[in-house]
Amino acid sequence: MHALTREFPVISLILGHHLERSSGQPETVLFSRHEGEFQDAVSALNAQCRLSLSEPPSLDEIVREYHWICSNRQQKELPPAVSEMEDSILIAAAAGRGGLVEDGIALASELAASGPKARLPLDWVSADAWLEGLVTKSRDPEALEAIVIGQARKHKLDKL
């Protein structure tokens, strides 16, 4: 996924999923064996992914996947998924989905309060300032729409 709800110079992909072996290690399909292994790898990856690879996921499914990623990173004591949390809230806000925005703000507040301060981004003034900024951005659909339109043009996606 790439959220168009923030200014960003390139397309970046979030929520990617690597095919994993039963050992938990990433699986690689070598070019020399591609033809013989590709379909099996696709089937296995489809079974491992939380979002469907055969049908476009709904907005709810996408936002919930962002939330799951954020919570999962916290549980694994990894650095917080700040961009993912912001994307989940701003995507929902741009789509006019107030309930999903509220769920995202609640989760962001919970995660910011429960995580060790040493893992928070260095440029943060405070968790409260970050949350207030998210709430402010989420309440301005016109500004979000302008960002989406601008990003779609910048990345030549306006025909999609």
C-alpha atoms as a PDB file:
ATOM      1  CA  MET A   1       0.000   0.000   0.000  1.00  0.00           C
ATOM      2  CA  HIS A   2       0.998   3.600  -0.518  1.00  0.00           C
ATOM      3  CA  ALA A   3      -1.146   6.271   1.105  1.00  0.00           C
ATOM      4  CA  LEU A   4      -1.528   9.440  -0.933  1.00  0.00           C
ATOM      5  CA  THR A   5      -2.654  11.361   2.154  1.00  0.00           C
ATOM      6  CA  ARG A   6       0.816  12.694   2.941  1.00  0.00           C
ATOM      7  CA  GLU A   7       3.389  14.583   0.920  1.00  0.00           C
ATOM      8  CA  PHE A   8       6.064  12.093  -0.080  1.00  0.00           C
ATOM      9  CA  PRO A   9       8.646  12.338  -2.874  1.00  0.00           C
ATOM     10  CA  VAL A  10       8.388   8.721  -4.089  1.00  0.00           C
ATOM     11  CA  ILE A  11       6.003   5.785  -4.009  1.00  0.00           C
ATOM     12  CA  SER A  12       6.798   3.692  -0.957  1.00  0.00           C
ATOM     13  CA  LEU A  13       5.154   0.423  -0.157  1.00  0.00           C
ATOM     14  CA  ILE A  14       3.875  -0.355   3.331  1.00  0.00           C
ATOM     15  CA  LEU A  15       2.121  -3.530   4.486  1.00  0.00           C
ATOM     16  CA  GLY A  16       4.294  -5.690   2.236  1.00  0.00           C
ATOM     17  CA  HIS A  17       4.482  -9.361   3.016  1.00  0.00           C
ATOM     18  CA  HIS A  18       7.373 -11.733   2.329  1.00  0.00           C
ATOM     19  CA  LEU A  19       6.795 -15.391   1.640  1.00  0.00           C
ATOM     20  CA  GLU A  20       8.083 -17.257   4.677  1.00  0.00           C
ATOM     21  CA  ARG A  21       9.293 -20.801   5.043  1.00  0.00           C
ATOM     22  CA  SER A  22       8.048 -22.901   7.921  1.00  0.00           C
ATOM     23  CA  SER A  23      11.232 -21.812   9.744  1.00  0.00           C
ATOM     24  CA  GLY A  24      10.025 -18.194   9.615  1.00  0.00           C
ATOM     25  CA  GLN A  25      12.785 -17.180   7.212  1.00  0.00           C
ATOM     26  CA  PRO A  26      11.928 -15.329   3.969  1.00  0.00           C
ATOM     27  CA  GLU A  27      11.592 -17.553   0.920  1.00  0.00           C
ATOM     28  CA  THR A  28      13.360 -16.682  -2.325  1.00  0.00           C
ATOM     29  CA  VAL A  29      12.343 -17.944  -5.743  1.00  0.00           C
ATOM     30  CA  LEU A  30      15.456 -17.965  -7.889  1.00  0.00           C
ATOM     31  CA  PHE A  31      15.142 -16.898 -11.512  1.00  0.00           C
ATOM     32  CA  SER A  32      16.587 -20.214 -12.659  1.00  0.00           C
ATOM     33  CA  ARG A  33      13.731 -22.058 -10.890  1.00  0.00           C
ATOM     34  CA  HIS A  34      11.072 -19.384 -11.407  1.00  0.00           C
ATOM     35  CA  GLU A  35       8.883 -21.252 -13.874  1.00  0.00           C
ATOM     36  CA  GLY A  36       8.659 -24.352 -11.699  1.00  0.00           C
ATOM     37  CA  GLU A  37       8.277 -22.634  -8.322  1.00  0.00           C
ATOM     38  CA  PHE A  38       6.376 -19.447  -9.093  1.00  0.00           C
ATOM     39  CA  GLN A  39       2.802 -20.785  -8.868  1.00  0.00           C
ATOM     40  CA  ASP A  40       3.524 -22.673  -5.633  1.00  0.00           C
ATOM     41  CA  ALA A  41       5.072 -19.528  -4.160  1.00  0.00           C
ATOM     42  CA  VAL A  42       2.024 -17.466  -5.171  1.00  0.00           C
ATOM     43  CA  SER A  43      -0.334 -19.984  -3.542  1.00  0.00           C
ATOM     44  CA  ALA A  44       1.742 -20.096  -0.366  1.00  0.00           C
ATOM     45  CA  LEU A  45       1.997 -16.291  -0.175  1.00  0.00           C
ATOM     46  CA  ASN A  46      -1.752 -15.950  -0.678  1.00  0.00           C
ATOM     47  CA  ALA A  47      -2.318 -18.354   2.226  1.00  0.00           C
ATOM     48  CA  GLN A  48       0.078 -16.400   4.475  1.00  0.00           C
ATOM     49  CA  CYS A  49      -1.225 -12.898   3.753  1.00  0.00           C
ATOM     50  CA  ARG A  50      -3.864 -11.384   5.978  1.00  0.00           C
ATOM     51  CA  LEU A  51      -5.240  -9.351   3.049  1.00  0.00           C
ATOM     52  CA  SER A  52      -6.490 -11.043  -0.110  1.00  0.00           C
ATOM     53  CA  LEU A  53      -4.150 -11.042  -3.077  1.00  0.00           C
ATOM     54  CA  SER A  54      -6.897 -12.109  -5.471  1.00  0.00           C
ATOM     55  CA  GLU A  55      -9.467  -9.378  -4.744  1.00  0.00           C
ATOM     56  CA  PRO A  56      -8.976  -5.738  -3.781  1.00  0.00           C
ATOM     57  CA  PRO A  57      -9.345  -5.345  -0.007  1.00  0.00           C
ATOM     58  CA  SER A  58     -11.981  -3.025   1.389  1.00  0.00           C
ATOM     59  CA  LEU A  59     -11.065   0.239   3.068  1.00  0.00           C
ATOM     60  CA  ASP A  60     -12.003  -1.296   6.437  1.00  0.00           C
ATOM     61  CA  GLU A  61      -9.708  -4.270   5.791  1.00  0.00           C
ATOM     62  CA  ILE A  62      -6.819  -2.013   4.809  1.00  0.00           C
ATOM     63  CA  VAL A  63      -7.190   0.251   7.850  1.00  0.00           C
ATOM     64  CA  ARG A  64      -7.586  -2.735  10.190  1.00  0.00           C
ATOM     65  CA  GLU A  65      -4.414  -4.257   8.703  1.00  0.00           C
ATOM     66  CA  TYR A  66      -2.551  -1.035   9.438  1.00  0.00           C
ATOM     67  CA  HIS A  67      -3.866  -1.215  13.019  1.00  0.00           C
ATOM     68  CA  TRP A  68      -2.806  -4.843  13.351  1.00  0.00           C
ATOM     69  CA  ILE A  69       0.709  -4.004  12.090  1.00  0.00           C
ATOM     70  CA  CYS A  70       0.998  -1.154  14.609  1.00  0.00           C
ATOM     71  CA  SER A  71      -0.150  -3.300  17.535  1.00  0.00           C
ATOM     72  CA  ASN A  72       1.987  -6.235  16.443  1.00  0.00           C
ATOM     73  CA  ARG A  73       5.138  -4.086  16.246  1.00  0.00           C
ATOM     74  CA  GLN A  74       4.429  -2.807  19.755  1.00  0.00           C
ATOM     75  CA  GLN A  75       3.941  -6.341  21.090  1.00  0.00           C
ATOM     76  CA  LYS A  76       7.241  -7.425  19.527  1.00  0.00           C
ATOM     77  CA  GLU A  77       8.942  -4.405  21.147  1.00  0.00           C
ATOM     78  CA  LEU A  78       9.996  -3.038  17.770  1.00  0.00           C
ATOM     79  CA  PRO A  79      10.170   0.695  17.052  1.00  0.00           C
ATOM     80  CA  PRO A  80       6.669   2.164  16.774  1.00  0.00           C
ATOM     81  CA  ALA A  81       4.921   2.074  13.396  1.00  0.00           C
ATOM     82  CA  VAL A  82       4.354   5.823  13.330  1.00  0.00           C
ATOM     83  CA  SER A  83       3.879   6.171   9.560  1.00  0.00           C
ATOM     84  CA  GLU A  84       1.497   3.230   9.467  1.00  0.00           C
ATOM     85  CA  MET A  85      -0.555   4.661  12.329  1.00  0.00           C
ATOM     86  CA  GLU A  86      -0.721   8.066  10.653  1.00  0.00           C
ATOM     87  CA  ASP A  87      -1.658   6.494   7.313  1.00  0.00           C
ATOM     88  CA  SER A  88      -4.480   4.485   8.884  1.00  0.00           C
ATOM     89  CA  ILE A  89      -6.027   7.616  10.371  1.00  0.00           C
ATOM     90  CA  LEU A  90      -5.538   9.891   7.369  1.00  0.00           C
ATOM     91  CA  ILE A  91      -6.798   7.311   4.852  1.00  0.00           C
ATOM     92  CA  ALA A  92      -9.954   6.831   6.922  1.00  0.00           C
ATOM     93  CA  ALA A  93     -10.377  10.603   7.278  1.00  0.00           C
ATOM     94  CA  ALA A  94      -9.926  11.212   3.540  1.00  0.00           C
ATOM     95  CA  ALA A  95     -12.643   8.630   2.892  1.00  0.00           C
ATOM     96  CA  GLY A  96     -14.984  10.270   5.420  1.00  0.00           C
ATOM     97  CA  ARG A  97     -14.963   7.257   7.729  1.00  0.00           C
ATOM     98  CA  GLY A  98     -15.286   8.897  11.153  1.00  0.00           C
ATOM     99  CA  GLY A  99     -15.600   5.620  13.061  1.00  0.00           C
ATOM    100  CA  LEU A 100     -12.337   4.306  11.633  1.00  0.00           C
ATOM    101  CA  VAL A 101     -10.666   7.636  12.402  1.00  0.00           C
ATOM    102  CA  GLU A 102     -11.832   7.414  16.023  1.00  0.00           C
ATOM    103  CA  ASP A 103     -10.597   3.813  16.271  1.00  0.00           C
ATOM    104  CA  GLY A 104      -7.228   4.892  14.890  1.00  0.00           C
ATOM    105  CA  ILE A 105      -6.883   7.852  17.250  1.00  0.00           C
ATOM    106  CA  ALA A 106      -7.765   5.605  20.202  1.00  0.00           C
ATOM    107  CA  LEU A 107      -5.182   3.019  19.153  1.00  0.00           C
ATOM    108  CA  ALA A 108      -2.532   5.695  18.500  1.00  0.00           C
ATOM    109  CA  SER A 109      -3.166   7.131  21.954  1.00  0.00           C
ATOM    110  CA  GLU A 110      -2.943   3.701  23.572  1.00  0.00           C
ATOM    111  CA  LEU A 111       0.264   2.763  21.743  1.00  0.00           C
ATOM    112  CA  ALA A 112       1.930   6.128  22.399  1.00  0.00           C
ATOM    113  CA  ALA A 113       1.115   5.874  26.118  1.00  0.00           C
ATOM    114  CA  SER A 114       2.286   2.285  26.529  1.00  0.00           C
ATOM    115  CA  GLY A 115       5.529   2.293  24.585  1.00  0.00           C
ATOM    116  CA  PRO A 116       8.925   3.075  26.077  1.00  0.00           C
ATOM    117  CA  LYS A 117       9.801   6.725  25.516  1.00  0.00           C
ATOM    118  CA  ALA A 118      13.247   5.707  24.200  1.00  0.00           C
ATOM    119  CA  ARG A 119      11.617   4.150  21.119  1.00  0.00           C
ATOM    120  CA  LEU A 120       9.609   7.238  20.145  1.00  0.00           C
ATOM    121  CA  PRO A 121      10.809   9.239  17.123  1.00  0.00           C
ATOM    122  CA  LEU A 122      13.569  11.687  17.963  1.00  0.00           C
ATOM    123  CA  ASP A 123      11.759  14.602  16.329  1.00  0.00           C
ATOM    124  CA  TRP A 124       8.666  14.239  18.519  1.00  0.00           C
ATOM    125  CA  VAL A 125       7.859  17.099  20.833  1.00  0.00           C
ATOM    126  CA  SER A 126       5.472  14.804  22.692  1.00  0.00           C
ATOM    127  CA  ALA A 127       2.934  12.060  22.095  1.00  0.00           C
ATOM    128  CA  ASP A 128       0.169  14.555  22.903  1.00  0.00           C
ATOM    129  CA  ALA A 129       1.407  16.990  20.239  1.00  0.00           C
ATOM    130  CA  TRP A 130       1.553  14.143  17.698  1.00  0.00           C
ATOM    131  CA  LEU A 131      -1.983  13.029  18.548  1.00  0.00           C
ATOM    132  CA  GLU A 132      -3.328  16.594  18.408  1.00  0.00           C
ATOM    133  CA  GLY A 133      -1.717  17.021  14.985  1.00  0.00           C
ATOM    134  CA  LEU A 134      -3.365  13.819  13.746  1.00  0.00           C
ATOM    135  CA  VAL A 135      -6.755  14.909  15.041  1.00  0.00           C
ATOM    136  CA  THR A 136      -6.356  18.318  13.383  1.00  0.00           C
ATOM    137  CA  LYS A 137      -5.346  16.773  10.045  1.00  0.00           C
ATOM    138  CA  SER A 138      -8.163  14.223  10.212  1.00  0.00           C
ATOM    139  CA  ARG A 139     -10.729  17.009  10.669  1.00  0.00           C
ATOM    140  CA  ASP A 140      -9.702  18.829   7.495  1.00  0.00           C
ATOM    141  CA  PRO A 141     -11.001  16.752   4.560  1.00  0.00           C
ATOM    142  CA  GLU A 142     -10.398  19.558   2.061  1.00  0.00           C
ATOM    143  CA  ALA A 143      -6.691  19.675   2.913  1.00  0.00           C
ATOM    144  CA  LEU A 144      -6.457  15.869   2.702  1.00  0.00           C
ATOM    145  CA  GLU A 145      -8.203  15.885  -0.673  1.00  0.00           C
ATOM    146  CA  ALA A 146      -5.779  18.524  -1.959  1.00  0.00           C
ATOM    147  CA  ILE A 147      -2.827  16.385  -0.826  1.00  0.00           C
ATOM    148  CA  VAL A 148      -4.273  13.263  -2.463  1.00  0.00           C
ATOM    149  CA  ILE A 149      -4.886  15.110  -5.737  1.00  0.00           C
ATOM    150  CA  GLY A 150      -1.405  16.648  -5.641  1.00  0.00           C
ATOM    151  CA  GLN A 151       0.270  13.323  -4.883  1.00  0.00           C
ATOM    152  CA  ALA A 152      -1.707  11.551  -7.610  1.00  0.00           C
ATOM    153  CA  ARG A 153      -0.536  14.167 -10.119  1.00  0.00           C
ATOM    154  CA  LYS A 154       3.053  14.154  -8.876  1.00  0.00           C
ATOM    155  CA  HIS A 155       3.320  10.377  -9.165  1.00  0.00           C
ATOM    156  CA  LYS A 156       1.341  10.314 -12.428  1.00  0.00           C
ATOM    157  CA  LEU A 157      -1.490   8.318 -10.876  1.00  0.00           C
ATOM    158  CA  ASP A 158      -4.300  10.706 -11.764  1.00  0.00           C
ATOM    159  CA  LYS A 159      -5.420   8.451 -14.653  1.00  0.00           C
ATOM    160  CA  LEU A 160      -5.933   5.465 -12.342  1.00  0.00           C
END
